[in-house]
Amino acid sequence: MRYKKQLPQLEKPKCRYFITFVTWERLELTPEARQVVLDACKFFHEQRYELFAVVIMPDHVHIMIQPFPKSETEYWSIGSILHSIKSYSSKQIPKAMLHIGKVWQDGRYDEMIRTEEEFNNKWEYIRQNPVKAGLSITPEEYPFLWETF
């Protein structure tokens, strides 16, 4: 059996990231479960990271963050941030919907945002995701979208 190695994640201090993570086997989260995930994403906003925008789709999440310093020499890692979101939400989701077992796929897709244009494009992508999926007419009416302004 071959194992696919995951490349080390490149993280830099003071950088912003666009991150996507997916439910296990594309499990569809109920509205109550999506609210659990949204609350988990917002929980450490302004403590461990700046949360710019997040959308909780039925089977995946897009989030845009900038990790804060953990100490004078270390920043909160994307891995530790996602671990707390996934760990907490996976314990709460069975209380919000009928599901027993794994909730999240391992790993994530993350992209360092290098320019203001990339930042604005990713933000707009997050906003339009529920519209493109036919879940709402406008981004503002989708209840599982949160943004800082």
C-alpha atoms as a PDB file:
ATOM      1  CA  MET A   1       0.000   0.000   0.000  1.00  0.00           C
ATOM      2  CA  ARG A   2       1.319   3.452  -0.877  1.00  0.00           C
ATOM      3  CA  TYR A   3       0.975   6.353   1.474  1.00  0.00           C
ATOM      4  CA  LYS A   4       0.745   9.887   0.183  1.00  0.00           C
ATOM      5  CA  LYS A   5       2.966  12.215   2.151  1.00  0.00           C
ATOM      6  CA  GLN A   6       1.506  15.547   3.104  1.00  0.00           C
ATOM      7  CA  LEU A   7       3.911  18.347   2.329  1.00  0.00           C
ATOM      8  CA  PRO A   8       4.891  20.559   5.250  1.00  0.00           C
ATOM      9  CA  GLN A   9       2.704  23.621   5.532  1.00  0.00           C
ATOM     10  CA  LEU A  10       4.428  26.944   4.996  1.00  0.00           C
ATOM     11  CA  GLU A  11       3.345  29.451   7.602  1.00  0.00           C
ATOM     12  CA  LYS A  12       4.746  32.920   8.158  1.00  0.00           C
ATOM     13  CA  PRO A  13       4.142  35.413  10.962  1.00  0.00           C
ATOM     14  CA  LYS A  14       1.638  38.206  10.261  1.00  0.00           C
ATOM     15  CA  CYS A  15       0.256  36.487   7.142  1.00  0.00           C
ATOM     16  CA  ARG A  16      -3.362  35.990   6.187  1.00  0.00           C
ATOM     17  CA  TYR A  17      -4.663  32.615   5.016  1.00  0.00           C
ATOM     18  CA  PHE A  18      -7.573  31.246   3.025  1.00  0.00           C
ATOM     19  CA  ILE A  19      -8.378  27.767   4.352  1.00  0.00           C
ATOM     20  CA  THR A  20     -10.835  25.088   3.275  1.00  0.00           C
ATOM     21  CA  PHE A  21     -11.695  21.935   5.178  1.00  0.00           C
ATOM     22  CA  VAL A  22     -14.228  19.270   4.301  1.00  0.00           C
ATOM     23  CA  THR A  23     -16.600  16.930   6.114  1.00  0.00           C
ATOM     24  CA  TRP A  24     -15.885  13.196   6.231  1.00  0.00           C
ATOM     25  CA  GLU A  25     -17.161  11.526   3.064  1.00  0.00           C
ATOM     26  CA  ARG A  26     -19.014  14.768   2.236  1.00  0.00           C
ATOM     27  CA  LEU A  27     -21.335  14.415   5.226  1.00  0.00           C
ATOM     28  CA  GLU A  28     -24.131  17.001   4.892  1.00  0.00           C
ATOM     29  CA  LEU A  29     -24.379  19.159   7.997  1.00  0.00           C
ATOM     30  CA  THR A  30     -27.828  20.224   9.128  1.00  0.00           C
ATOM     31  CA  PRO A  31     -28.492  23.928   9.751  1.00  0.00           C
ATOM     32  CA  GLU A  32     -28.090  23.287  13.501  1.00  0.00           C
ATOM     33  CA  ALA A  33     -24.741  21.570  12.911  1.00  0.00           C
ATOM     34  CA  ARG A  34     -23.585  24.405  10.630  1.00  0.00           C
ATOM     35  CA  GLN A  35     -24.375  26.850  13.443  1.00  0.00           C
ATOM     36  CA  VAL A  36     -22.196  24.782  15.793  1.00  0.00           C
ATOM     37  CA  VAL A  37     -19.291  25.027  13.324  1.00  0.00           C
ATOM     38  CA  LEU A  38     -19.825  28.760  12.783  1.00  0.00           C
ATOM     39  CA  ASP A  39     -19.782  29.359  16.537  1.00  0.00           C
ATOM     40  CA  ALA A  40     -16.599  27.268  16.856  1.00  0.00           C
ATOM     41  CA  CYS A  41     -14.901  29.319  14.115  1.00  0.00           C
ATOM     42  CA  LYS A  42     -15.869  32.590  15.812  1.00  0.00           C
ATOM     43  CA  PHE A  43     -14.912  31.461  19.328  1.00  0.00           C
ATOM     44  CA  PHE A  44     -11.205  32.443  19.255  1.00  0.00           C
ATOM     45  CA  HIS A  45     -11.675  35.492  16.995  1.00  0.00           C
ATOM     46  CA  GLU A  46      -9.568  38.336  18.431  1.00  0.00           C
ATOM     47  CA  GLN A  47      -7.848  35.898  20.821  1.00  0.00           C
ATOM     48  CA  ARG A  48      -5.887  33.421  18.676  1.00  0.00           C
ATOM     49  CA  TYR A  49      -6.569  34.928  15.250  1.00  0.00           C
ATOM     50  CA  GLU A  50      -8.268  37.692  13.332  1.00  0.00           C
ATOM     51  CA  LEU A  51     -11.258  36.168  11.563  1.00  0.00           C
ATOM     52  CA  PHE A  52     -12.069  38.107   8.399  1.00  0.00           C
ATOM     53  CA  ALA A  53     -14.736  35.897   6.846  1.00  0.00           C
ATOM     54  CA  VAL A  54     -16.107  32.376   7.163  1.00  0.00           C
ATOM     55  CA  VAL A  55     -18.830  30.404   5.426  1.00  0.00           C
ATOM     56  CA  ILE A  56     -20.144  27.061   6.601  1.00  0.00           C
ATOM     57  CA  MET A  57     -21.482  25.118   3.641  1.00  0.00           C
ATOM     58  CA  PRO A  58     -23.348  21.811   4.011  1.00  0.00           C
ATOM     59  CA  ASP A  59     -20.156  19.758   3.448  1.00  0.00           C
ATOM     60  CA  HIS A  60     -17.207  22.142   3.708  1.00  0.00           C
ATOM     61  CA  VAL A  61     -15.918  25.333   5.321  1.00  0.00           C
ATOM     62  CA  HIS A  62     -14.032  28.310   3.876  1.00  0.00           C
ATOM     63  CA  ILE A  63     -12.329  30.565   6.384  1.00  0.00           C
ATOM     64  CA  MET A  64      -9.997  33.541   6.086  1.00  0.00           C
ATOM     65  CA  ILE A  65      -7.810  34.269   9.119  1.00  0.00           C
ATOM     66  CA  GLN A  66      -4.606  35.848  10.356  1.00  0.00           C
ATOM     67  CA  PRO A  67      -3.065  33.977  13.316  1.00  0.00           C
ATOM     68  CA  PHE A  68      -1.962  36.049  16.318  1.00  0.00           C
ATOM     69  CA  PRO A  69       1.265  35.661  18.319  1.00  0.00           C
ATOM     70  CA  LYS A  70       1.103  32.904  20.929  1.00  0.00           C
ATOM     71  CA  SER A  71       4.229  34.208  22.637  1.00  0.00           C
ATOM     72  CA  GLU A  72       7.087  36.532  21.729  1.00  0.00           C
ATOM     73  CA  THR A  73       8.638  33.877  19.482  1.00  0.00           C
ATOM     74  CA  GLU A  74       5.675  31.823  18.256  1.00  0.00           C
ATOM     75  CA  TYR A  75       2.353  32.289  16.435  1.00  0.00           C
ATOM     76  CA  TRP A  76      -0.777  30.168  16.697  1.00  0.00           C
ATOM     77  CA  SER A  77      -0.385  27.599  13.948  1.00  0.00           C
ATOM     78  CA  ILE A  78      -3.103  26.902  11.400  1.00  0.00           C
ATOM     79  CA  GLY A  79      -2.977  23.284  12.543  1.00  0.00           C
ATOM     80  CA  SER A  80      -3.682  24.171  16.180  1.00  0.00           C
ATOM     81  CA  ILE A  81      -6.434  26.619  15.201  1.00  0.00           C
ATOM     82  CA  LEU A  82      -8.167  24.052  12.988  1.00  0.00           C
ATOM     83  CA  HIS A  83      -7.668  21.328  15.578  1.00  0.00           C
ATOM     84  CA  SER A  84      -9.647  23.315  18.141  1.00  0.00           C
ATOM     85  CA  ILE A  85     -12.427  24.136  15.626  1.00  0.00           C
ATOM     86  CA  LYS A  86     -12.699  20.567  14.332  1.00  0.00           C
ATOM     87  CA  SER A  87     -12.315  18.908  17.728  1.00  0.00           C
ATOM     88  CA  TYR A  88     -14.935  21.038  19.480  1.00  0.00           C
ATOM     89  CA  SER A  89     -17.430  20.936  16.604  1.00  0.00           C
ATOM     90  CA  SER A  90     -17.064  17.170  16.111  1.00  0.00           C
ATOM     91  CA  LYS A  91     -18.045  16.668  19.754  1.00  0.00           C
ATOM     92  CA  GLN A  92     -21.029  19.052  19.465  1.00  0.00           C
ATOM     93  CA  ILE A  93     -22.386  18.030  16.035  1.00  0.00           C
ATOM     94  CA  PRO A  94     -23.855  14.699  17.265  1.00  0.00           C
ATOM     95  CA  LYS A  95     -25.949  16.782  19.705  1.00  0.00           C
ATOM     96  CA  ALA A  96     -27.234  18.916  16.799  1.00  0.00           C
ATOM     97  CA  MET A  97     -27.905  16.164  14.240  1.00  0.00           C
ATOM     98  CA  LEU A  98     -28.175  12.414  14.016  1.00  0.00           C
ATOM     99  CA  HIS A  99     -24.580  11.398  13.296  1.00  0.00           C
ATOM    100  CA  ILE A 100     -22.205   8.983  14.947  1.00  0.00           C
ATOM    101  CA  GLY A 101     -18.605   8.753  13.802  1.00  0.00           C
ATOM    102  CA  LYS A 102     -16.034  10.916  12.131  1.00  0.00           C
ATOM    103  CA  VAL A 103     -17.136  14.422  11.121  1.00  0.00           C
ATOM    104  CA  TRP A 104     -14.093  15.979   9.413  1.00  0.00           C
ATOM    105  CA  GLN A 105     -11.617  14.750   6.843  1.00  0.00           C
ATOM    106  CA  ASP A 106      -8.017  14.944   7.957  1.00  0.00           C
ATOM    107  CA  GLY A 107      -6.015  17.840   6.607  1.00  0.00           C
ATOM    108  CA  ARG A 108      -7.002  21.006   4.862  1.00  0.00           C
ATOM    109  CA  TYR A 109      -6.286  23.175   1.871  1.00  0.00           C
ATOM    110  CA  ASP A 110      -4.656  26.460   2.788  1.00  0.00           C
ATOM    111  CA  GLU A 111      -3.306  29.302   0.759  1.00  0.00           C
ATOM    112  CA  MET A 112      -1.221  32.223   1.960  1.00  0.00           C
ATOM    113  CA  ILE A 113      -2.730  35.516   0.817  1.00  0.00           C
ATOM    114  CA  ARG A 114       0.028  37.738  -0.521  1.00  0.00           C
ATOM    115  CA  THR A 115      -1.729  40.782  -2.011  1.00  0.00           C
ATOM    116  CA  GLU A 116      -4.771  42.935  -1.333  1.00  0.00           C
ATOM    117  CA  GLU A 117      -6.221  41.773  -4.652  1.00  0.00           C
ATOM    118  CA  GLU A 118      -5.946  38.113  -3.565  1.00  0.00           C
ATOM    119  CA  PHE A 119      -7.458  39.033  -0.195  1.00  0.00           C
ATOM    120  CA  ASN A 120     -10.440  40.760  -1.828  1.00  0.00           C
ATOM    121  CA  ASN A 121     -10.913  37.919  -4.344  1.00  0.00           C
ATOM    122  CA  LYS A 122     -10.902  35.248  -1.613  1.00  0.00           C
ATOM    123  CA  TRP A 123     -13.293  37.285   0.520  1.00  0.00           C
ATOM    124  CA  GLU A 124     -15.687  37.630  -2.401  1.00  0.00           C
ATOM    125  CA  TYR A 125     -15.329  33.900  -3.138  1.00  0.00           C
ATOM    126  CA  ILE A 126     -16.377  33.127   0.445  1.00  0.00           C
ATOM    127  CA  ARG A 127     -19.324  35.533   0.203  1.00  0.00           C
ATOM    128  CA  GLN A 128     -20.560  34.136  -3.110  1.00  0.00           C
ATOM    129  CA  ASN A 129     -20.161  30.443  -2.233  1.00  0.00           C
ATOM    130  CA  PRO A 130     -23.715  29.963  -0.867  1.00  0.00           C
ATOM    131  CA  VAL A 131     -25.168  31.980  -3.773  1.00  0.00           C
ATOM    132  CA  LYS A 132     -23.349  29.863  -6.370  1.00  0.00           C
ATOM    133  CA  ALA A 133     -24.525  26.712  -4.579  1.00  0.00           C
ATOM    134  CA  GLY A 134     -28.138  27.900  -4.728  1.00  0.00           C
ATOM    135  CA  LEU A 135     -28.478  28.157  -0.939  1.00  0.00           C
ATOM    136  CA  SER A 136     -29.376  31.867  -0.955  1.00  0.00           C
ATOM    137  CA  ILE A 137     -30.142  34.704  -3.349  1.00  0.00           C
ATOM    138  CA  THR A 138     -27.614  37.085  -1.759  1.00  0.00           C
ATOM    139  CA  PRO A 139     -24.641  36.467   0.550  1.00  0.00           C
ATOM    140  CA  GLU A 140     -26.252  38.569   3.282  1.00  0.00           C
ATOM    141  CA  GLU A 141     -29.260  36.277   3.621  1.00  0.00           C
ATOM    142  CA  TYR A 142     -27.183  33.109   4.132  1.00  0.00           C
ATOM    143  CA  PRO A 143     -27.221  32.494   7.910  1.00  0.00           C
ATOM    144  CA  PHE A 144     -23.882  30.635   8.064  1.00  0.00           C
ATOM    145  CA  LEU A 145     -21.755  33.417   6.553  1.00  0.00           C
ATOM    146  CA  TRP A 146     -19.913  35.724   8.915  1.00  0.00           C
ATOM    147  CA  GLU A 147     -17.640  38.618   8.013  1.00  0.00           C
ATOM    148  CA  THR A 148     -15.989  41.379  10.007  1.00  0.00           C
ATOM    149  CA  PHE A 149     -17.588  44.425   8.474  1.00  0.00           C
END
